[in-house]
Amino acid sequence: MKKLYSNNASRQKAYRLRKEEEEKLSKGSINWDAPLEPFLSYFKRMNNLEVIPEFQATICNAMANFDINNLVVCAGRGSSKTMISSTFALWLVDEYSRFIKKPLSVTLISSQPEIYTHIDRIFLSHPELKERLRVEGKSLEIPKANFEFNDTHGYCERLIPTSNSIRSHRCNCLIIDECASIATSIIKTALPLLKEDIAKVILISTPHKERSFFNDLVADTPKEWSLLQYSSELAFWTGKMRKLAKETLTKEEYSIEIEGTIPEEHIKTLLNSKDVESCIENYLTISGVEESSLHFGIDWGYERSLSCLVLTEWSKAYKKVIKCWVWDNSKISTLYEDMGNILMEYNKITPKLVVYADNKPQGFIENLDRCITGIYVKAIDKGTVITNPENKEVTDKNSKVVVTVKSLLLQQLYNLVKTKHLKIPANETELIKQLKIYTKDRVYSNDLVDALMLSIGELPQLKETPNQVVGFDSPYQTYQTKGEELFAKWERGQRW
């Protein structure tokens, strides 16, 4: 058994290593213009392992590339994604903090202890690291909840994924391990905690069979996120595990657990791409046919979502999208005034102006009301359950689940597209893209579709008190037979 260093020898080695690193920095022998090189060197030194070029080097490169702020790593079991991310966390608070002469903080969120335990194993193999701790561990090499170096003052902590434990823990880098098992509300609480310096978030996990924030992010990755997806079949050391998995798991379970792929039903879209294409036409203006009316739908943005306004012209023959407007959260200061000006301009064209807006977040509709006159914005709670005149909940005859305002809006959108009674201008490319990829309970790339649903929705009359829906009458009900059964299967999350 290898003899551990004595305290005195450990201190001497730690001092010598620091001097060597400082000398390398002064001579410029470390290429910090490409942080991958020093991170790979650190990874090999800490873990006594070579990086596999096929996939591990790519993950290391993405983590050490600070131009990539938002990274998703989706991989099968045993692919060493947790080991790489834990070493990256240690490198940030150790070597990189020393290089930039600024203490960095890393927050690790995981329902499992493995990511923090691996850092503890590195400390066990490198006693010189422990000598530099501000407070030494007792039962572990490092303290159970967090640790800090006394020279770089880089700080790393591990949090259990609960809303109360996460709030107010600001950090330069956020790493969420086993992300597929963590509730969406917890992840959304954690994402805004990043500080401006580096401001890097890394989500790592093997996908789950159940739907999750992580699965949705992998199924449709927004442009501001970078996705790396690998099968653990690339890792030669997983041979026995894979053999056992093939003998015991179903084909679908093997695909999820070993190959790291998202379940097929999680990426089943509401609309067929060919049906969406058949609704696209080249036009730019309102047709202005007799008895037509203008309807606006508003979906408010918060956190990383966009605020969207969609204008649709209704006639007896069809519903026609006229224009879409989008605001990101950097323009929140002018959002209400901009949106109010648009509504007031179109109110001059026709007195038949209908505006439906999502009632969440609270206060947004009130802010818009201050910027308009003579226009009534109706707040819509998409979670409201539809009730009949006897005040009983309405149940869908196919899916056997209660009908909410959102499911009713989705049903209407599905029928309009399926029967080609919705027209979409060819220049609204982002709306067309979102329609083609829209999935149940999706997290990103759905803002324009949500606004469109409100602009085409024929909703039952809302009672003032209590806020329940009664009655339903629609000229489009004759079109609602072809798609009912298919839509019900989609609503239940079944494959078509």
Protein backbone atom coordinates (compact mmCIF):
# COMPACT_ATOMS: atom_id res chain seq x y z
CA MET A 1 0.00 0.00 0.00
CA LYS A 2 1.28 3.43 -0.89
CA LYS A 3 2.40 5.39 2.18
CA LEU A 4 0.70 8.73 2.63
CA TYR A 5 2.76 11.85 3.11
CA SER A 6 3.37 13.14 6.62
CA ASN A 7 1.98 16.59 7.38
CA ASN A 8 5.42 18.16 7.03
CA ALA A 9 6.20 16.37 3.75
CA SER A 10 2.75 17.27 2.45
CA ARG A 11 3.27 20.94 3.21
CA GLN A 12 6.65 20.89 1.50
CA LYS A 13 5.20 19.22 -1.61
CA ALA A 14 2.28 21.66 -1.73
CA TYR A 15 4.69 24.60 -1.48
CA ARG A 16 6.93 23.16 -4.23
CA LEU A 17 3.98 22.54 -6.58
CA ARG A 18 2.66 26.07 -6.08
CA LYS A 19 6.12 27.50 -6.84
CA GLU A 20 6.36 25.38 -10.00
CA GLU A 21 2.93 26.55 -11.18
CA GLU A 22 3.79 30.20 -10.43
CA GLU A 23 7.02 29.80 -12.39
CA LYS A 24 5.13 28.32 -15.37
CA LEU A 25 2.73 31.25 -15.25
CA SER A 26 5.55 33.82 -15.13
CA LYS A 27 7.31 32.17 -18.07
CA GLY A 28 4.08 31.87 -20.03
CA SER A 29 4.57 28.12 -20.56
CA ILE A 30 0.89 27.48 -19.88
CA ASN A 31 -1.31 28.49 -22.80
CA TRP A 32 -4.19 30.21 -21.05
CA ASP A 33 -5.53 31.56 -24.33
CA ALA A 34 -6.82 28.01 -24.84
CA PRO A 35 -7.92 26.87 -21.34
CA LEU A 36 -8.43 23.30 -22.60
CA GLU A 37 -4.68 22.68 -22.41
CA PRO A 38 -4.27 23.57 -18.69
CA PHE A 39 -7.57 21.83 -17.82
CA LEU A 40 -6.54 18.60 -19.57
CA SER A 41 -3.18 18.75 -17.80
CA TYR A 42 -4.98 19.24 -14.46
CA PHE A 43 -7.43 16.41 -15.21
CA LYS A 44 -4.62 13.95 -15.94
CA ARG A 45 -2.67 15.04 -12.85
CA MET A 46 -5.62 14.83 -10.47
CA ASN A 47 -7.14 11.58 -11.76
CA ASN A 48 -4.03 9.83 -13.09
CA LEU A 49 -6.01 9.09 -16.26
CA GLU A 50 -5.69 9.89 -19.94
CA VAL A 51 -8.65 11.56 -21.64
CA ILE A 52 -10.39 9.54 -24.36
CA PRO A 53 -10.33 11.66 -27.55
CA GLU A 54 -13.61 10.23 -28.92
CA PHE A 55 -15.82 11.97 -26.37
CA GLN A 56 -14.12 12.90 -23.07
CA ALA A 57 -11.83 15.45 -24.75
CA THR A 58 -14.86 17.07 -26.39
CA ILE A 59 -16.65 17.38 -23.04
CA CYS A 60 -13.50 18.83 -21.43
CA ASN A 61 -13.14 21.32 -24.26
CA ALA A 62 -16.75 22.49 -23.95
CA MET A 63 -16.40 22.94 -20.19
CA ALA A 64 -13.12 24.87 -20.46
CA ASN A 65 -14.44 27.01 -23.33
CA PHE A 66 -15.80 30.11 -21.61
CA ASP A 67 -17.51 31.25 -24.81
CA ILE A 68 -19.97 28.42 -24.09
CA ASN A 69 -22.09 29.70 -21.21
CA ASN A 70 -24.83 27.07 -21.23
CA LEU A 71 -23.81 23.43 -21.67
CA VAL A 72 -25.91 20.25 -21.64
CA VAL A 73 -24.13 16.90 -21.40
CA CYS A 74 -26.41 13.93 -22.04
CA ALA A 75 -24.72 10.54 -21.85
CA GLY A 76 -25.29 6.93 -20.86
CA ARG A 77 -24.39 5.44 -17.49
CA GLY A 78 -20.71 5.05 -16.70
CA SER A 79 -19.45 7.52 -19.31
CA SER A 80 -17.46 9.51 -16.68
CA LYS A 81 -19.44 12.73 -17.18
CA THR A 82 -19.67 13.23 -13.40
CA MET A 83 -15.92 12.69 -12.93
CA ILE A 84 -15.10 15.27 -15.62
CA SER A 85 -17.49 17.89 -14.22
CA SER A 86 -16.30 17.42 -10.62
CA THR A 87 -12.66 17.81 -11.75
CA PHE A 88 -13.66 20.91 -13.73
CA ALA A 89 -15.26 22.38 -10.60
CA LEU A 90 -12.06 21.78 -8.62
CA TRP A 91 -9.92 23.24 -11.42
CA LEU A 92 -11.98 26.46 -11.43
CA VAL A 93 -11.60 27.12 -7.71
CA ASP A 94 -7.97 25.97 -7.67
CA GLU A 95 -5.79 26.58 -10.73
CA TYR A 96 -8.01 28.93 -12.73
CA SER A 97 -8.76 31.13 -9.71
CA ARG A 98 -5.00 31.45 -9.18
CA PHE A 99 -4.45 32.38 -12.83
CA ILE A 100 -7.06 35.15 -12.96
CA LYS A 101 -6.16 36.28 -9.41
CA LYS A 102 -9.81 36.26 -8.43
CA PRO A 103 -11.65 33.77 -6.20
CA LEU A 104 -14.29 31.86 -8.16
CA SER A 105 -17.22 30.03 -6.62
CA VAL A 106 -18.82 26.83 -7.92
CA THR A 107 -22.16 25.41 -6.84
CA LEU A 108 -22.82 21.70 -7.32
CA ILE A 109 -26.47 20.62 -7.18
CA SER A 110 -27.21 16.93 -7.10
CA SER A 111 -29.60 14.49 -5.46
CA GLN A 112 -26.67 12.04 -5.32
CA PRO A 113 -23.37 12.57 -3.42
CA GLU A 114 -21.15 11.16 -6.20
CA ILE A 115 -20.08 14.48 -7.76
CA TYR A 116 -18.83 15.86 -4.42
CA THR A 117 -17.46 12.48 -3.33
CA HIS A 118 -15.23 12.35 -6.40
CA ILE A 119 -13.63 15.66 -5.37
CA ASP A 120 -13.04 14.13 -1.94
CA ARG A 121 -11.28 11.17 -3.61
CA ILE A 122 -8.98 13.59 -5.45
CA PHE A 123 -8.06 15.21 -2.14
CA LEU A 124 -7.36 11.77 -0.71
CA SER A 125 -4.95 11.05 -3.58
CA HIS A 126 -3.37 14.51 -3.38
CA PRO A 127 -2.70 15.41 0.28
CA GLU A 128 -1.07 18.66 -0.80
CA LEU A 129 -4.54 19.96 -1.70
CA LYS A 130 -5.82 19.34 1.81
CA GLU A 131 -2.99 21.42 3.25
CA ARG A 132 -4.40 24.42 1.42
CA LEU A 133 -7.96 24.14 2.78
CA ARG A 134 -9.18 27.00 4.87
CA VAL A 135 -11.04 24.49 7.07
CA GLU A 136 -10.09 20.82 6.89
CA GLY A 137 -12.62 18.03 6.69
CA LYS A 138 -13.28 15.66 9.58
CA SER A 139 -15.06 12.51 8.41
CA LEU A 140 -14.06 13.37 4.83
CA GLU A 141 -10.91 14.88 3.36
CA ILE A 142 -12.98 18.00 2.70
CA PRO A 143 -15.87 19.45 4.75
CA LYS A 144 -19.22 17.82 3.97
CA ALA A 145 -21.03 20.88 2.62
CA ASN A 146 -18.34 23.14 1.11
CA PHE A 147 -14.65 23.91 0.99
CA GLU A 148 -12.39 26.89 0.28
CA PHE A 149 -8.70 27.18 -0.53
CA ASN A 150 -6.75 29.49 1.79
CA ASP A 151 -4.57 30.85 -1.03
CA THR A 152 -6.84 31.28 -4.06
CA HIS A 153 -10.00 31.57 -1.90
CA GLY A 154 -11.81 29.61 -4.60
CA TYR A 155 -14.99 28.21 -3.07
CA CYS A 156 -17.00 25.08 -3.91
CA GLU A 157 -20.25 23.90 -2.32
CA ARG A 158 -22.69 21.08 -2.81
CA LEU A 159 -26.43 21.73 -2.33
CA ILE A 160 -29.33 19.31 -2.01
CA PRO A 161 -31.93 20.15 -4.70
CA THR A 162 -34.65 21.97 -2.77
CA SER A 163 -35.90 25.51 -3.41
CA ASN A 164 -35.03 26.71 0.09
CA SER A 165 -31.49 25.30 0.05
CA ILE A 166 -30.66 26.85 -3.33
CA ARG A 167 -31.95 30.41 -2.97
CA SER A 168 -29.33 33.17 -2.44
CA HIS A 169 -26.35 30.91 -3.27
CA ARG A 170 -24.66 33.03 -5.93
CA CYS A 171 -21.87 31.42 -7.94
CA ASN A 172 -19.65 31.84 -11.01
CA CYS A 173 -20.33 28.31 -12.26
CA LEU A 174 -23.39 26.16 -11.64
CA ILE A 175 -23.19 22.39 -12.22
CA ILE A 176 -26.36 20.32 -11.87
CA ASP A 177 -25.69 16.58 -11.80
CA GLU A 178 -28.40 13.94 -12.42
CA CYS A 179 -30.42 16.83 -13.82
CA ALA A 180 -33.15 14.57 -15.27
CA SER A 181 -34.22 13.62 -11.73
CA ILE A 182 -34.50 17.22 -10.51
CA ALA A 183 -37.78 19.13 -10.63
CA THR A 184 -38.15 21.92 -13.20
CA SER A 185 -39.02 24.42 -10.44
CA ILE A 186 -35.69 23.68 -8.68
CA ILE A 187 -33.69 24.17 -11.89
CA LYS A 188 -35.47 27.44 -12.65
CA THR A 189 -34.71 28.63 -9.13
CA ALA A 190 -31.02 27.82 -9.59
CA LEU A 191 -30.37 29.27 -13.07
CA PRO A 192 -30.66 32.98 -12.10
CA LEU A 193 -28.02 32.58 -9.35
CA LEU A 194 -25.05 32.95 -11.73
CA LYS A 195 -22.65 35.87 -11.27
CA GLU A 196 -21.46 37.87 -14.28
CA ASP A 197 -17.86 36.56 -14.20
CA ILE A 198 -17.80 33.36 -16.30
CA ALA A 199 -21.54 32.77 -15.64
CA LYS A 200 -21.38 29.18 -16.83
CA VAL A 201 -24.07 26.56 -16.24
CA ILE A 202 -23.50 22.85 -16.91
CA LEU A 203 -26.38 20.37 -16.83
CA ILE A 204 -25.32 16.72 -16.86
CA SER A 205 -27.41 13.58 -16.70
CA THR A 206 -28.47 10.31 -18.20
CA PRO A 207 -32.02 10.87 -19.51
CA HIS A 208 -34.99 9.34 -17.69
CA LYS A 209 -38.01 7.55 -19.04
CA GLU A 210 -40.20 10.17 -17.37
CA ARG A 211 -40.51 13.64 -18.89
CA SER A 212 -38.26 16.29 -17.36
CA PHE A 213 -36.73 19.72 -17.93
CA PHE A 214 -33.51 17.98 -18.96
CA ASN A 215 -35.23 15.65 -21.45
CA ASP A 216 -37.05 18.57 -23.08
CA LEU A 217 -33.82 20.54 -23.33
CA VAL A 218 -32.09 17.64 -25.08
CA ALA A 219 -35.08 16.91 -27.34
CA ASP A 220 -35.04 20.49 -28.61
CA THR A 221 -31.94 22.46 -27.64
CA PRO A 222 -32.38 26.27 -27.91
CA LYS A 223 -29.69 28.22 -29.76
CA GLU A 224 -28.29 29.65 -26.52
CA TRP A 225 -27.46 26.14 -25.27
CA SER A 226 -24.75 23.74 -26.47
CA LEU A 227 -25.57 20.03 -26.42
CA LEU A 228 -23.14 17.10 -26.18
CA GLN A 229 -24.73 13.65 -26.36
CA TYR A 230 -22.83 10.36 -26.10
CA SER A 231 -23.43 6.66 -25.62
CA SER A 232 -21.52 4.90 -22.86
CA GLU A 233 -20.72 2.26 -25.50
CA LEU A 234 -17.80 4.59 -26.35
CA ALA A 235 -16.33 3.88 -22.91
CA PHE A 236 -14.35 0.63 -23.09
CA TRP A 237 -14.59 0.05 -19.32
CA THR A 238 -18.39 -0.34 -19.46
CA GLY A 239 -18.28 -3.66 -21.34
CA LYS A 240 -19.53 -5.90 -18.51
CA MET A 241 -22.19 -3.40 -17.50
CA ARG A 242 -23.44 -3.15 -21.09
CA LYS A 243 -23.56 -6.92 -21.45
CA LEU A 244 -25.67 -7.23 -18.30
CA ALA A 245 -27.87 -4.31 -19.42
CA LYS A 246 -28.61 -5.98 -22.76
CA GLU A 247 -29.67 -9.14 -20.92
CA THR A 248 -31.93 -7.41 -18.41
CA LEU A 249 -33.23 -4.17 -19.93
CA THR A 250 -35.82 -3.68 -22.65
CA LYS A 251 -34.69 -2.14 -25.92
CA GLU A 252 -36.16 1.22 -24.89
CA GLU A 253 -34.55 1.09 -21.43
CA TYR A 254 -31.17 0.20 -22.94
CA SER A 255 -31.48 3.12 -25.37
CA ILE A 256 -32.12 5.51 -22.47
CA GLU A 257 -29.73 4.18 -19.82
CA ILE A 258 -26.77 3.12 -21.98
CA GLU A 259 -27.06 5.02 -25.26
CA GLY A 260 -28.26 8.20 -23.55
CA THR A 261 -31.16 8.87 -25.94
CA ILE A 262 -34.45 10.59 -25.14
CA PRO A 263 -37.62 8.43 -25.18
CA GLU A 264 -39.34 8.71 -28.54
CA GLU A 265 -42.65 9.90 -27.10
CA HIS A 266 -40.89 12.85 -25.48
CA ILE A 267 -40.09 14.27 -28.88
CA LYS A 268 -43.41 13.44 -30.53
CA THR A 269 -44.66 16.71 -31.90
CA LEU A 270 -48.25 17.91 -31.83
CA LEU A 271 -48.31 18.84 -35.51
CA ASN A 272 -47.09 17.06 -38.60
CA SER A 273 -44.49 19.14 -40.46
CA LYS A 274 -46.26 18.54 -43.78
CA ASP A 275 -49.54 19.82 -42.30
CA VAL A 276 -47.76 22.98 -41.11
CA GLU A 277 -46.16 23.45 -44.54
CA SER A 278 -49.58 23.20 -46.21
CA CYS A 279 -50.75 26.22 -44.15
CA ILE A 280 -47.93 28.50 -45.35
CA GLU A 281 -48.78 31.19 -47.90
CA ASN A 282 -47.11 34.31 -49.28
CA TYR A 283 -48.98 37.38 -48.04
CA LEU A 284 -48.15 40.39 -45.91
CA THR A 285 -51.37 42.31 -45.22
CA ILE A 286 -54.81 42.01 -43.71
CA SER A 287 -57.34 40.82 -46.30
CA GLY A 288 -60.05 43.03 -44.80
CA VAL A 289 -62.93 40.80 -45.87
CA GLU A 290 -66.39 41.72 -44.64
CA GLU A 291 -67.20 40.59 -41.11
CA SER A 292 -63.56 39.78 -40.34
CA SER A 293 -62.10 40.66 -36.93
CA LEU A 294 -58.62 41.06 -35.47
CA HIS A 295 -57.47 38.96 -32.52
CA PHE A 296 -54.27 39.37 -30.51
CA GLY A 297 -52.65 36.71 -28.32
CA ILE A 298 -50.02 37.63 -25.72
CA ASP A 299 -47.63 35.23 -24.02
CA TRP A 300 -45.45 36.92 -21.41
CA GLY A 301 -41.77 36.10 -21.09
CA TYR A 302 -39.94 35.59 -17.82
CA GLU A 303 -36.51 34.25 -16.88
CA ARG A 304 -35.16 33.06 -20.27
CA SER A 305 -38.46 33.04 -22.16
CA LEU A 306 -39.57 35.66 -24.70
CA SER A 307 -42.61 37.92 -24.61
CA CYS A 308 -44.64 37.41 -27.78
CA LEU A 309 -47.57 39.14 -29.49
CA VAL A 310 -49.37 37.42 -32.36
CA LEU A 311 -52.05 39.06 -34.54
CA THR A 312 -54.59 36.85 -36.32
CA GLU A 313 -57.41 37.86 -38.65
CA TRP A 314 -60.61 35.85 -38.29
CA SER A 315 -63.11 35.35 -41.09
CA LYS A 316 -65.83 32.79 -41.70
CA ALA A 317 -63.55 30.76 -43.99
CA TYR A 318 -60.26 30.69 -42.07
CA LYS A 319 -57.98 32.20 -39.45
CA LYS A 320 -54.99 34.03 -40.84
CA VAL A 321 -51.79 34.97 -38.95
CA ILE A 322 -50.89 38.56 -39.86
CA LYS A 323 -47.77 39.31 -37.85
CA CYS A 324 -45.68 38.25 -34.84
CA TRP A 325 -43.69 40.47 -32.48
CA VAL A 326 -41.04 39.26 -30.02
CA TRP A 327 -39.28 40.95 -27.08
CA ASP A 328 -36.47 39.47 -25.01
CA ASN A 329 -36.06 40.31 -21.33
CA SER A 330 -33.40 42.94 -22.01
CA LYS A 331 -36.21 45.11 -23.46
CA ILE A 332 -38.59 44.71 -20.52
CA SER A 333 -38.40 48.45 -19.76
CA THR A 334 -40.06 49.34 -23.10
CA LEU A 335 -42.16 46.18 -23.53
CA TYR A 336 -45.50 47.52 -22.32
CA GLU A 337 -45.22 50.83 -24.17
CA ASP A 338 -44.16 49.09 -27.41
CA MET A 339 -46.94 46.54 -27.15
CA GLY A 340 -49.48 49.22 -26.22
CA ASN A 341 -48.55 51.31 -29.29
CA ILE A 342 -49.09 48.28 -31.56
CA LEU A 343 -52.52 47.56 -30.06
CA MET A 344 -53.58 51.22 -30.32
CA GLU A 345 -52.53 51.39 -34.00
CA TYR A 346 -54.57 48.34 -34.93
CA ASN A 347 -57.49 49.57 -32.86
CA LYS A 348 -57.74 52.44 -35.35
CA ILE A 349 -58.24 49.93 -38.18
CA THR A 350 -61.14 48.09 -36.61
CA PRO A 351 -63.26 48.41 -33.48
CA LYS A 352 -63.52 44.58 -33.48
CA LEU A 353 -60.25 44.11 -31.60
CA VAL A 354 -59.98 41.13 -29.22
CA VAL A 355 -56.95 40.70 -26.95
CA TYR A 356 -56.29 37.53 -24.91
CA ALA A 357 -53.24 37.46 -22.63
CA ASP A 358 -51.77 34.84 -20.34
CA ASN A 359 -52.54 35.86 -16.76
CA LYS A 360 -49.05 34.89 -15.56
CA PRO A 361 -46.78 36.40 -14.34
CA GLN A 362 -48.91 38.68 -12.19
CA GLY A 363 -48.74 42.40 -12.84
CA PHE A 364 -47.86 42.20 -16.54
CA ILE A 365 -51.40 42.83 -17.81
CA GLU A 366 -51.83 45.70 -15.35
CA ASN A 367 -48.64 47.32 -16.71
CA LEU A 368 -49.95 46.98 -20.27
CA ASP A 369 -53.35 48.46 -19.31
CA ARG A 370 -51.60 51.69 -18.29
CA CYS A 371 -50.34 52.08 -21.89
CA ILE A 372 -53.66 51.61 -23.72
CA THR A 373 -57.11 53.18 -23.73
CA GLY A 374 -60.36 51.78 -25.05
CA ILE A 375 -59.01 48.23 -25.38
CA TYR A 376 -59.96 45.41 -23.01
CA VAL A 377 -57.27 42.78 -22.40
CA LYS A 378 -58.83 39.56 -21.14
CA ALA A 379 -56.63 37.56 -18.73
CA ILE A 380 -56.60 33.85 -19.52
CA ASP A 381 -55.59 31.18 -17.01
CA LYS A 382 -54.63 28.23 -19.21
CA GLY A 383 -54.88 25.88 -16.24
CA THR A 384 -58.59 26.58 -15.69
CA VAL A 385 -60.74 23.46 -15.96
CA ILE A 386 -63.65 23.64 -18.43
CA THR A 387 -67.06 23.17 -16.81
CA ASN A 388 -70.53 22.70 -18.26
CA PRO A 389 -73.60 24.84 -17.45
CA GLU A 390 -74.24 22.59 -14.43
CA ASN A 391 -70.77 23.56 -13.17
CA LYS A 392 -69.41 20.03 -13.63
CA GLU A 393 -65.97 19.33 -15.04
CA VAL A 394 -65.88 18.44 -18.73
CA THR A 395 -63.98 15.23 -19.54
CA ASP A 396 -62.53 14.53 -22.98
CA LYS A 397 -64.35 11.53 -24.45
CA ASN A 398 -61.13 10.05 -25.88
CA SER A 399 -58.42 10.79 -23.31
CA LYS A 400 -60.79 10.58 -20.31
CA VAL A 401 -58.99 13.50 -18.64
CA VAL A 402 -60.50 16.82 -17.60
CA VAL A 403 -60.39 19.52 -20.27
CA THR A 404 -58.40 22.63 -19.39
CA VAL A 405 -58.24 25.91 -21.28
CA LYS A 406 -54.76 24.98 -22.56
CA SER A 407 -55.82 21.54 -23.83
CA LEU A 408 -58.83 23.17 -25.51
CA LEU A 409 -56.59 25.74 -27.22
CA LEU A 410 -54.20 23.01 -28.37
CA GLN A 411 -57.13 20.98 -29.73
CA GLN A 412 -58.34 23.99 -31.71
CA LEU A 413 -54.84 24.71 -33.06
CA TYR A 414 -54.43 21.07 -34.06
CA ASN A 415 -57.76 21.03 -35.90
CA LEU A 416 -57.12 24.31 -37.72
CA VAL A 417 -53.75 23.08 -39.01
CA LYS A 418 -54.99 19.58 -39.83
CA THR A 419 -57.93 20.92 -41.86
CA LYS A 420 -55.87 23.78 -43.41
CA HIS A 421 -58.14 26.46 -41.95
CA LEU A 422 -55.12 28.30 -40.54
CA LYS A 423 -52.99 30.47 -42.84
CA ILE A 424 -49.41 31.38 -41.91
CA PRO A 425 -47.24 33.94 -43.73
CA ALA A 426 -44.03 32.47 -45.17
CA ASN A 427 -41.92 35.24 -43.61
CA GLU A 428 -42.79 34.15 -40.02
CA THR A 429 -40.06 31.54 -40.00
CA GLU A 430 -39.64 31.31 -36.22
CA LEU A 431 -43.36 30.64 -35.69
CA ILE A 432 -43.27 27.96 -38.39
CA LYS A 433 -40.26 26.33 -36.73
CA GLN A 434 -41.92 26.32 -33.31
CA LEU A 435 -45.13 24.83 -34.72
CA LYS A 436 -43.17 21.95 -36.25
CA ILE A 437 -41.33 21.07 -33.03
CA TYR A 438 -44.05 21.78 -30.45
CA THR A 439 -44.32 18.96 -27.91
CA LYS A 440 -46.40 18.41 -24.81
CA ASP A 441 -45.19 20.35 -21.75
CA ARG A 442 -42.16 21.67 -23.62
CA VAL A 443 -39.97 24.20 -21.81
CA TYR A 444 -38.28 26.19 -24.58
CA SER A 445 -39.11 27.37 -28.11
CA ASN A 446 -42.83 27.50 -27.44
CA ASP A 447 -43.48 31.21 -26.80
CA LEU A 448 -44.87 32.10 -30.24
CA VAL A 449 -47.06 28.99 -30.32
CA ASP A 450 -48.51 29.87 -26.91
CA ALA A 451 -49.31 33.38 -28.13
CA LEU A 452 -50.78 31.97 -31.37
CA MET A 453 -53.07 29.66 -29.40
CA LEU A 454 -54.51 32.64 -27.57
CA SER A 455 -55.00 34.57 -30.82
CA ILE A 456 -56.93 31.75 -32.53
CA GLY A 457 -58.68 30.37 -29.44
CA GLU A 458 -62.47 30.35 -29.22
CA LEU A 459 -62.93 30.16 -25.50
CA PRO A 460 -66.12 29.61 -23.54
CA GLN A 461 -67.47 32.61 -21.71
CA LEU A 462 -65.68 33.17 -18.41
CA LYS A 463 -67.73 33.76 -15.26
CA GLU A 464 -66.58 36.77 -13.31
CA THR A 465 -66.97 34.94 -9.98
CA PRO A 466 -65.85 32.26 -9.58
CA ASN A 467 -63.34 32.15 -12.45
CA GLN A 468 -64.76 29.08 -14.19
CA VAL A 469 -65.61 28.37 -17.81
CA VAL A 470 -69.21 27.73 -18.86
CA GLY A 471 -70.61 26.76 -22.24
CA PHE A 472 -68.87 26.48 -25.58
CA ASP A 473 -70.02 27.35 -29.06
CA SER A 474 -67.76 27.44 -32.11
CA PRO A 475 -68.30 27.69 -35.88
CA TYR A 476 -65.25 25.41 -36.18
CA GLN A 477 -66.81 22.50 -34.25
CA THR A 478 -67.63 20.80 -37.58
CA TYR A 479 -63.88 20.42 -38.16
CA GLN A 480 -63.24 18.78 -34.78
CA THR A 481 -63.92 15.14 -35.62
CA LYS A 482 -60.94 14.04 -37.71
CA GLY A 483 -58.26 14.86 -35.18
CA GLU A 484 -59.97 14.18 -31.85
CA GLU A 485 -58.71 10.64 -31.32
CA LEU A 486 -55.13 11.40 -32.44
CA PHE A 487 -55.01 14.54 -30.31
CA ALA A 488 -56.28 12.61 -27.28
CA LYS A 489 -53.43 10.11 -27.66
CA TRP A 490 -50.94 12.96 -27.89
CA GLU A 491 -52.47 14.57 -24.81
CA ARG A 492 -52.04 11.31 -22.89
CA GLY A 493 -48.42 11.11 -24.04
CA GLN A 494 -48.98 7.99 -26.11
CA ARG A 495 -47.35 7.24 -29.45
CA TRP A 496 -49.45 7.75 -32.56
